[in-house]
Amino acid sequence: MSLVAGALSCANTKTNACAKAVASSSEASAFCSTVTSDSAVPSWASDCGSIKNVLKECVCQHSGSAAATTLVTATRSATQAPAETSAAQATPTSAIDSAPAASSSSPSTGKASGSTGSAIGYAAGTTGGGSGAGTTVTSCTALASALEKGGVIRINGYLKGCGVLDVPSDTSVIGVGASSGMEDGGLRVKKANNVIIQNLKMHNPPEGKDIIAVDKSTMVWVDHLALSSDGIALGDKDYYDGLVDITHASDKVTVSYCTFQNHFKVSLVGHSDNNAAEDTGFLRITYHHNYWNNIGSRAPSIRFGTAHIFNNCYNDVHTSGVHSRMGAKVLVEGNSFTNVKRAIVTDLDSKEAGFAVQKNNIFTNSDIDITQGSDFNPPYTYSVADASGICATVKSSAGTSASL
């Protein structure tokens, strides 16, 4: 059961009320030995809010319980995805590992200056905090303090329980080595300009929050992140919000070389059908060379804006993949879709349909539902690789890296 408990990121019994209740109640052990997903929340665990939270902490605090058996089944179903069509595209089986597997490295190694490379797409020209050595942080407190000043900020280590922290303009937040990042925390770019977030392993946003939120901001580059949650294993699509959500007329954003795994609602662009007045003419986003694996939907889902989605690898998407709605326009080219329900869809869940044009994609056991198309030419230089080899390319290059 230790594998499941580890994959579910057990909460701190000193700071989390639900974890404390399950760990300390005299009734917990007996309850956890018989609990199922249909059980009612006992009065002593009222701080947990839902039976899913009780189940999770039963696994963490009382291994070998009935709760552990219940969640083993969920975790196995989330991690043992069907194999792809070639050995070069084999799906990783770990519940929270990024794919491809990051190069092994201690957090103390890596680049000691600004971000690596430059953005392609709508965020081209983003410089973040520049190229200086900046500030290195090893705790949530130090990170919060550094973010008040901005510039180049390097996270050295895996920080837990930081909450949601705001990233100001002209800032780069960069992980040192392949293993640095955050758990039970998130970064919010709100009313900011010129921001880079790069090379971070981030698992589980705070409940109901996003890991990365871009709100009323421009020129934002999200690059080489390994993003995941316990959402699929918990079986609750609303427990967490997004991995990368872009809202409120944000503009000129590129999301590149990221991995999105084991999460329900991954990337929402435009938060409401009723926000046309603010969003129309904005929300121009590029997604390229990302790996979307074992997810529910929003890969991405976009309202009102314009998205260029090229050279991504999609595997096991359960509800919908690229979702264009409320007049949004998407160009989807050179991607590989395997076991993706509604790989591209334009008429789903909103008052108005969106537009989509697809070119040179590969669909394996995947369907599309495009009701209308409106082509556009991205206003930047880019190169599209053949979709037949894109999953091998993406799996060997997306996610965190010791060399960044």
Protein backbone atom coordinates (compact mmCIF):
# COMPACT_ATOMS: atom_id res chain seq x y z
CA MET A 1 0.00 0.00 0.00
CA SER A 2 2.98 2.33 0.37
CA LEU A 3 3.04 2.91 -3.41
CA VAL A 4 -0.53 4.22 -3.35
CA ALA A 5 0.03 6.36 -0.29
CA GLY A 6 3.10 7.88 -1.90
CA ALA A 7 1.29 8.54 -5.17
CA LEU A 8 -1.55 10.27 -3.30
CA SER A 9 0.74 12.80 -1.56
CA CYS A 10 -0.32 12.31 2.06
CA ALA A 11 -1.16 15.54 3.86
CA ASN A 12 0.70 16.80 6.93
CA THR A 13 -1.18 15.67 10.06
CA LYS A 14 -0.04 18.79 11.90
CA THR A 15 -1.43 21.27 9.39
CA ASN A 16 -4.24 19.44 7.58
CA ALA A 17 -7.43 19.03 9.63
CA CYS A 18 -8.65 15.98 7.71
CA ALA A 19 -5.34 14.17 8.03
CA LYS A 20 -5.18 15.02 11.73
CA ALA A 21 -8.70 13.67 12.34
CA VAL A 22 -8.07 10.37 10.57
CA ALA A 23 -4.71 9.93 12.28
CA SER A 24 -5.88 10.75 15.81
CA SER A 25 -9.49 9.58 16.17
CA SER A 26 -9.99 6.43 18.21
CA GLU A 27 -12.70 5.40 15.75
CA ALA A 28 -10.61 5.86 12.61
CA SER A 29 -8.89 2.49 12.44
CA ALA A 30 -12.13 0.52 12.64
CA PHE A 31 -13.85 2.84 10.18
CA CYS A 32 -10.99 2.66 7.68
CA SER A 33 -11.07 -1.13 7.79
CA THR A 34 -14.59 -1.17 6.30
CA VAL A 35 -14.96 2.14 4.45
CA THR A 36 -16.00 2.22 0.78
CA SER A 37 -16.58 5.02 -1.70
CA ASP A 38 -20.30 4.84 -0.82
CA SER A 39 -19.80 5.32 2.93
CA ALA A 40 -21.03 8.45 4.68
CA VAL A 41 -18.54 10.88 6.20
CA PRO A 42 -18.42 10.16 9.97
CA SER A 43 -18.90 13.03 12.40
CA TRP A 44 -15.33 12.80 13.68
CA ALA A 45 -14.08 13.39 10.10
CA SER A 46 -16.32 16.36 9.28
CA ASP A 47 -13.25 18.47 8.45
CA CYS A 48 -12.59 16.16 5.49
CA GLY A 49 -15.64 17.41 3.63
CA SER A 50 -16.08 14.36 1.40
CA ILE A 51 -15.70 10.60 1.60
CA LYS A 52 -12.97 10.77 -1.08
CA ASN A 53 -10.83 12.84 1.27
CA VAL A 54 -11.48 10.37 4.09
CA LEU A 55 -10.50 7.49 1.79
CA LYS A 56 -7.28 9.22 0.87
CA GLU A 57 -6.26 9.81 4.48
CA CYS A 58 -7.30 6.29 5.50
CA VAL A 59 -4.77 5.03 2.96
CA CYS A 60 -2.13 7.40 4.29
CA GLN A 61 -2.72 6.85 8.00
CA HIS A 62 -3.98 3.25 8.11
CA SER A 63 -2.24 1.23 5.38
CA GLY A 64 -3.81 -2.14 4.67
CA SER A 65 -7.32 -0.75 5.21
CA ALA A 66 -10.35 -1.17 2.99
CA ALA A 67 -9.70 2.35 1.77
CA ALA A 68 -6.31 1.24 0.48
CA THR A 69 -7.94 -1.56 -1.50
CA THR A 70 -10.47 0.88 -2.96
CA LEU A 71 -7.79 3.33 -4.08
CA VAL A 72 -5.39 0.66 -5.35
CA THR A 73 -7.99 -0.16 -7.98
CA ALA A 74 -8.36 3.51 -8.92
CA THR A 75 -4.62 4.04 -9.07
CA ARG A 76 -4.01 0.97 -11.21
CA SER A 77 -6.69 2.04 -13.67
CA ALA A 78 -5.08 5.47 -13.86
CA THR A 79 -1.58 4.18 -14.45
CA GLN A 80 -1.93 1.06 -16.56
CA ALA A 81 -2.94 2.83 -19.76
CA PRO A 82 -3.23 0.94 -23.05
CA ALA A 83 0.04 0.70 -24.95
CA GLU A 84 0.57 3.03 -27.88
CA THR A 85 1.05 1.82 -31.41
CA SER A 86 4.82 1.44 -31.28
CA ALA A 87 7.47 0.56 -28.74
CA ALA A 88 9.00 3.99 -29.13
CA GLN A 89 5.74 5.47 -27.84
CA ALA A 90 5.24 3.26 -24.78
CA THR A 91 3.25 4.97 -22.03
CA PRO A 92 4.91 5.43 -18.62
CA THR A 93 3.20 3.48 -15.83
CA SER A 94 4.06 5.54 -12.76
CA ALA A 95 1.15 7.50 -11.32
CA ILE A 96 3.02 10.77 -11.01
CA ASP A 97 6.21 10.51 -13.04
CA SER A 98 6.67 13.00 -15.82
CA ALA A 99 7.08 11.56 -19.28
CA PRO A 100 9.62 11.27 -20.55
CA ALA A 101 11.48 10.37 -17.38
CA ALA A 102 13.57 13.34 -16.37
CA SER A 103 17.32 13.00 -16.33
CA SER A 104 18.42 12.07 -12.82
CA SER A 105 20.04 14.90 -10.96
CA SER A 106 20.27 16.24 -7.44
CA PRO A 107 18.50 19.60 -6.99
CA SER A 108 21.84 21.31 -6.45
CA THR A 109 22.93 20.89 -10.06
CA GLY A 110 21.82 22.87 -13.08
CA LYS A 111 22.10 26.24 -14.71
CA ALA A 112 22.77 29.20 -12.42
CA SER A 113 21.45 32.01 -14.58
CA GLY A 114 18.31 33.01 -16.46
CA SER A 115 15.98 30.86 -18.55
CA THR A 116 17.15 28.55 -21.32
CA GLY A 117 16.14 29.08 -24.93
CA SER A 118 13.46 31.42 -26.19
CA ALA A 119 9.74 31.18 -26.73
CA ILE A 120 8.21 30.22 -30.06
CA GLY A 121 4.74 31.36 -30.93
CA TYR A 122 2.59 34.07 -29.44
CA ALA A 123 4.93 34.62 -26.46
CA ALA A 124 8.01 35.14 -28.66
CA GLY A 125 10.15 37.93 -27.26
CA THR A 126 9.33 37.20 -23.62
CA THR A 127 12.46 37.72 -21.50
CA GLY A 128 11.16 37.36 -17.94
CA GLY A 129 13.69 38.46 -15.35
CA GLY A 130 16.57 38.59 -17.81
CA SER A 131 19.82 36.65 -17.83
CA GLY A 132 21.33 37.42 -14.44
CA ALA A 133 22.14 34.88 -11.72
CA GLY A 134 19.21 36.09 -9.64
CA THR A 135 18.11 34.62 -6.32
CA THR A 136 18.09 30.96 -5.31
CA VAL A 137 15.41 29.85 -2.84
CA THR A 138 15.01 26.62 -0.87
CA SER A 139 11.81 27.26 1.10
CA CYS A 140 8.27 28.55 0.60
CA THR A 141 9.01 31.57 2.78
CA ALA A 142 12.08 32.48 0.75
CA LEU A 143 10.17 32.00 -2.50
CA ALA A 144 7.37 34.30 -1.37
CA SER A 145 9.90 36.93 -0.35
CA ALA A 146 11.79 36.70 -3.65
CA LEU A 147 8.57 37.02 -5.64
CA GLU A 148 7.89 40.37 -4.01
CA LYS A 149 10.97 41.69 -5.82
CA GLY A 150 10.84 39.69 -9.07
CA GLY A 151 13.79 39.15 -11.39
CA VAL A 152 15.33 35.70 -11.84
CA ILE A 153 14.24 33.29 -9.10
CA ARG A 154 15.61 29.74 -9.00
CA ILE A 155 13.88 27.09 -6.90
CA ASN A 156 16.39 24.56 -5.54
CA GLY A 157 14.51 21.61 -4.03
CA TYR A 158 10.95 20.32 -3.87
CA LEU A 159 8.80 22.71 -1.83
CA LYS A 160 5.57 21.51 -0.23
CA GLY A 161 2.52 23.43 0.94
CA CYS A 162 3.48 26.87 -0.37
CA GLY A 163 -0.08 27.79 -1.33
CA VAL A 164 -0.72 30.00 -4.35
CA LEU A 165 1.96 32.65 -4.86
CA ASP A 166 1.76 35.65 -7.20
CA VAL A 167 4.42 36.19 -9.87
CA PRO A 168 5.06 39.85 -10.78
CA SER A 169 6.08 41.37 -14.10
CA ASP A 170 9.59 40.89 -15.48
CA THR A 171 10.17 37.68 -13.56
CA SER A 172 11.53 34.20 -14.33
CA VAL A 173 10.79 31.31 -11.95
CA ILE A 174 13.10 28.42 -12.85
CA GLY A 175 13.75 25.03 -11.29
CA VAL A 176 17.33 23.94 -10.59
CA GLY A 177 17.93 20.46 -11.98
CA ALA A 178 15.24 17.96 -12.88
CA SER A 179 13.67 17.48 -9.45
CA SER A 180 12.97 20.97 -8.14
CA GLY A 181 9.44 22.30 -7.94
CA MET A 182 6.34 22.43 -5.77
CA GLU A 183 3.63 20.20 -4.33
CA ASP A 184 0.32 21.46 -2.96
CA GLY A 185 1.16 24.89 -4.29
CA GLY A 186 0.76 27.04 -7.37
CA LEU A 187 1.92 30.14 -9.21
CA ARG A 188 -0.48 32.88 -10.29
CA VAL A 189 0.46 35.46 -12.92
CA LYS A 190 -2.11 38.21 -12.39
CA LYS A 191 -2.06 41.64 -14.04
CA ALA A 192 1.56 41.03 -15.00
CA ASN A 193 3.68 41.22 -18.15
CA ASN A 194 6.81 39.42 -19.34
CA VAL A 195 6.96 36.27 -17.21
CA ILE A 196 8.76 32.94 -17.69
CA ILE A 197 7.99 29.80 -15.66
CA GLN A 198 10.39 27.01 -16.57
CA ASN A 199 11.74 23.59 -15.53
CA LEU A 200 9.54 22.86 -12.51
CA LYS A 201 8.00 19.62 -11.31
CA MET A 202 4.62 20.54 -9.84
CA HIS A 203 2.15 18.08 -8.33
CA ASN A 204 -1.30 18.82 -6.89
CA PRO A 205 -2.55 22.39 -6.73
CA PRO A 206 -4.26 23.49 -3.53
CA GLU A 207 -7.83 22.18 -3.50
CA GLY A 208 -10.00 24.12 -5.96
CA LYS A 209 -7.03 26.10 -7.33
CA ASP A 210 -4.76 25.96 -10.39
CA ILE A 211 -1.11 24.97 -10.46
CA ILE A 212 -0.42 27.72 -13.01
CA ALA A 213 -2.96 30.52 -13.41
CA VAL A 214 -2.52 33.31 -15.96
CA ASP A 215 -5.03 36.10 -15.30
CA LYS A 216 -5.17 39.49 -17.06
CA SER A 217 -1.54 39.08 -18.13
CA THR A 218 0.51 39.27 -21.34
CA MET A 219 3.75 37.80 -22.68
CA VAL A 220 3.89 34.65 -20.56
CA TRP A 221 6.01 31.62 -21.43
CA VAL A 222 5.27 28.34 -19.61
CA ASP A 223 8.00 25.88 -20.55
CA HIS A 224 9.36 22.44 -19.58
CA LEU A 225 7.05 21.85 -16.64
CA ALA A 226 6.04 18.40 -15.36
CA LEU A 227 2.48 18.87 -14.10
CA SER A 228 0.28 16.23 -12.48
CA SER A 229 -2.26 15.60 -9.75
CA ASP A 230 -4.06 12.84 -7.88
CA GLY A 231 -7.30 13.78 -9.66
CA ILE A 232 -7.74 10.66 -11.79
CA ALA A 233 -6.88 8.32 -8.90
CA LEU A 234 -9.31 10.11 -6.59
CA GLY A 235 -12.03 9.91 -9.23
CA ASP A 236 -13.25 13.45 -8.52
CA LYS A 237 -13.05 15.80 -11.50
CA ASP A 238 -13.82 18.87 -9.39
CA TYR A 239 -11.41 18.28 -6.49
CA TYR A 240 -8.66 20.21 -8.26
CA ASP A 241 -9.03 22.96 -10.83
CA GLY A 242 -6.60 23.38 -13.74
CA LEU A 243 -2.96 22.64 -14.38
CA VAL A 244 -2.53 25.69 -16.65
CA ASP A 245 -5.55 28.01 -16.90
CA ILE A 246 -5.43 31.23 -18.92
CA THR A 247 -8.26 33.71 -18.37
CA HIS A 248 -9.54 37.30 -18.31
CA ALA A 249 -8.15 38.62 -21.60
CA SER A 250 -4.65 37.31 -21.04
CA ASP A 251 -2.72 37.40 -24.29
CA LYS A 252 0.46 36.30 -26.06
CA VAL A 253 1.09 33.08 -24.15
CA THR A 254 3.13 30.03 -25.15
CA VAL A 255 2.92 26.66 -23.39
CA SER A 256 5.74 24.40 -24.58
CA TYR A 257 7.48 21.12 -23.72
CA CYS A 258 5.24 20.45 -20.72
CA THR A 259 3.82 17.15 -19.49
CA PHE A 260 0.23 16.99 -18.23
CA GLN A 261 -0.69 13.76 -16.46
CA ASN A 262 -3.33 12.06 -14.30
CA HIS A 263 -5.59 15.11 -14.04
CA PHE A 264 -9.16 15.81 -15.10
CA LYS A 265 -9.45 19.43 -16.31
CA VAL A 266 -6.04 20.38 -17.66
CA SER A 267 -5.95 23.73 -19.46
CA LEU A 268 -8.86 26.17 -19.73
CA VAL A 269 -8.56 29.28 -21.88
CA GLY A 270 -11.42 31.69 -21.23
CA HIS A 271 -13.38 30.96 -18.06
CA SER A 272 -17.00 31.70 -19.02
CA ASP A 273 -19.42 31.78 -21.95
CA ASN A 274 -20.50 35.20 -20.66
CA ASN A 275 -17.13 36.96 -20.87
CA ALA A 276 -17.04 37.93 -24.54
CA ALA A 277 -16.74 41.66 -23.84
CA GLU A 278 -13.46 41.18 -22.01
CA ASP A 279 -11.95 38.23 -23.86
CA THR A 280 -12.70 38.88 -27.54
CA GLY A 281 -9.55 39.90 -29.40
CA PHE A 282 -7.27 38.45 -26.74
CA LEU A 283 -6.42 34.93 -25.50
CA ARG A 284 -3.89 34.18 -28.27
CA ILE A 285 -2.08 31.04 -27.19
CA THR A 286 0.47 28.62 -28.68
CA TYR A 287 0.73 25.04 -27.41
CA HIS A 288 3.60 23.00 -28.86
CA HIS A 289 5.58 19.86 -27.99
CA ASN A 290 3.49 18.99 -24.92
CA TYR A 291 2.60 15.51 -23.65
CA TRP A 292 -1.02 15.01 -22.55
CA ASN A 293 -1.42 11.62 -20.87
CA ASN A 294 -4.23 10.00 -18.87
CA ILE A 295 -6.33 13.14 -18.53
CA GLY A 296 -10.00 13.98 -18.60
CA SER A 297 -10.41 17.03 -20.84
CA ARG A 298 -9.35 20.60 -21.70
CA ALA A 299 -6.32 19.87 -23.82
CA PRO A 300 -6.97 22.76 -24.17
CA SER A 301 -10.52 24.09 -24.00
CA ILE A 302 -10.73 27.61 -25.41
CA ARG A 303 -13.43 30.29 -25.60
CA PHE A 304 -13.30 33.47 -27.73
CA GLY A 305 -9.55 33.33 -28.36
CA THR A 306 -7.14 31.88 -30.91
CA ALA A 307 -4.98 28.82 -30.33
CA HIS A 308 -2.24 27.29 -32.44
CA ILE A 309 -1.69 23.70 -31.34
CA PHE A 310 1.14 21.86 -33.07
CA ASN A 311 3.43 18.88 -32.52
CA ASN A 312 1.79 17.66 -29.32
CA CYS A 313 1.42 14.03 -28.23
CA TYR A 314 -1.96 12.96 -26.81
CA ASN A 315 -2.54 9.61 -25.10
CA ASP A 316 -5.61 8.37 -23.20
CA VAL A 317 -7.87 11.41 -23.01
CA HIS A 318 -11.20 10.36 -21.58
CA THR A 319 -13.77 13.10 -22.36
CA SER A 320 -12.43 15.62 -24.89
CA GLY A 321 -9.12 16.86 -26.23
CA VAL A 322 -8.86 20.11 -28.19
CA HIS A 323 -12.15 21.88 -27.50
CA SER A 324 -13.00 25.07 -29.42
CA ARG A 325 -16.10 26.93 -28.22
CA MET A 326 -17.81 30.33 -28.19
CA GLY A 327 -16.35 31.39 -31.53
CA ALA A 328 -12.76 30.52 -30.69
CA LYS A 329 -10.46 29.57 -33.57
CA VAL A 330 -7.94 26.74 -33.36
CA LEU A 331 -5.38 25.47 -35.84
CA VAL A 332 -4.39 21.91 -34.92
CA GLU A 333 -1.47 20.51 -36.93
CA GLY A 334 1.15 17.82 -36.76
CA ASN A 335 -0.15 16.21 -33.56
CA SER A 336 -0.56 12.54 -32.64
CA PHE A 337 -3.77 11.40 -30.90
CA THR A 338 -4.05 7.89 -29.42
CA ASN A 339 -7.13 6.75 -27.50
CA VAL A 340 -8.58 10.25 -27.39
CA LYS A 341 -12.32 10.74 -27.20
CA ARG A 342 -13.39 13.77 -29.26
CA ALA A 343 -9.78 14.56 -30.15
CA ILE A 344 -10.97 17.82 -31.72
CA VAL A 345 -14.49 19.09 -30.99
CA THR A 346 -16.27 22.36 -31.72
CA ASP A 347 -19.83 21.81 -30.50
CA LEU A 348 -19.79 20.80 -26.84
CA ASP A 349 -20.91 22.29 -23.50
CA SER A 350 -21.28 25.94 -24.60
CA LYS A 351 -23.98 28.18 -26.05
CA GLU A 352 -22.04 28.65 -29.29
CA ALA A 353 -19.69 26.42 -31.26
CA GLY A 354 -16.09 27.22 -32.00
CA PHE A 355 -14.03 26.83 -35.17
CA ALA A 356 -11.27 24.31 -35.87
CA VAL A 357 -8.98 23.42 -38.74
CA GLN A 358 -6.87 20.27 -38.53
CA LYS A 359 -3.87 19.49 -40.74
CA ASN A 360 -1.51 16.52 -40.94
CA ASN A 361 -2.51 14.96 -37.62
CA ILE A 362 -2.51 11.23 -36.83
CA PHE A 363 -5.59 9.74 -35.13
CA THR A 364 -5.39 6.25 -33.58
CA ASN A 365 -8.58 5.01 -31.94
CA SER A 366 -9.61 8.66 -31.73
CA ASP A 367 -12.53 10.57 -33.22
CA ILE A 368 -13.12 14.19 -34.20
CA ASP A 369 -16.26 16.33 -34.30
CA ILE A 370 -15.57 19.53 -36.22
CA THR A 371 -18.77 21.34 -37.18
CA GLN A 372 -17.15 24.44 -38.68
CA GLY A 373 -13.71 25.63 -39.67
CA SER A 374 -12.04 28.99 -40.04
CA ASP A 375 -8.39 28.90 -41.02
CA PHE A 376 -5.83 31.44 -39.88
CA ASN A 377 -2.14 31.92 -40.43
CA PRO A 378 -0.13 32.25 -37.21
CA PRO A 379 1.74 35.57 -37.28
CA TYR A 380 5.14 34.08 -36.48
CA THR A 381 7.76 31.73 -37.89
CA TYR A 382 7.59 28.10 -36.83
CA SER A 383 8.36 24.63 -38.13
CA VAL A 384 6.04 21.61 -37.92
CA ALA A 385 7.55 18.12 -37.70
CA ASP A 386 5.84 15.06 -39.15
CA ALA A 387 3.25 13.68 -36.75
CA SER A 388 4.45 10.09 -37.20
CA GLY A 389 7.47 10.65 -34.97
CA ILE A 390 6.23 13.40 -32.72
CA CYS A 391 5.43 11.24 -29.68
CA ALA A 392 8.97 9.89 -29.58
CA THR A 393 10.31 13.43 -29.87
CA VAL A 394 8.02 14.86 -27.21
CA LYS A 395 8.60 12.05 -24.74
CA SER A 396 12.34 12.51 -24.97
CA SER A 397 12.27 16.28 -24.54
CA ALA A 398 9.20 17.44 -22.58
CA GLY A 399 9.12 17.89 -18.82
CA THR A 400 11.94 18.89 -16.51
CA SER A 401 15.62 18.42 -17.29
CA ALA A 402 18.93 18.60 -15.47
CA SER A 403 20.38 20.53 -18.40
CA LEU A 404 18.03 23.51 -18.27
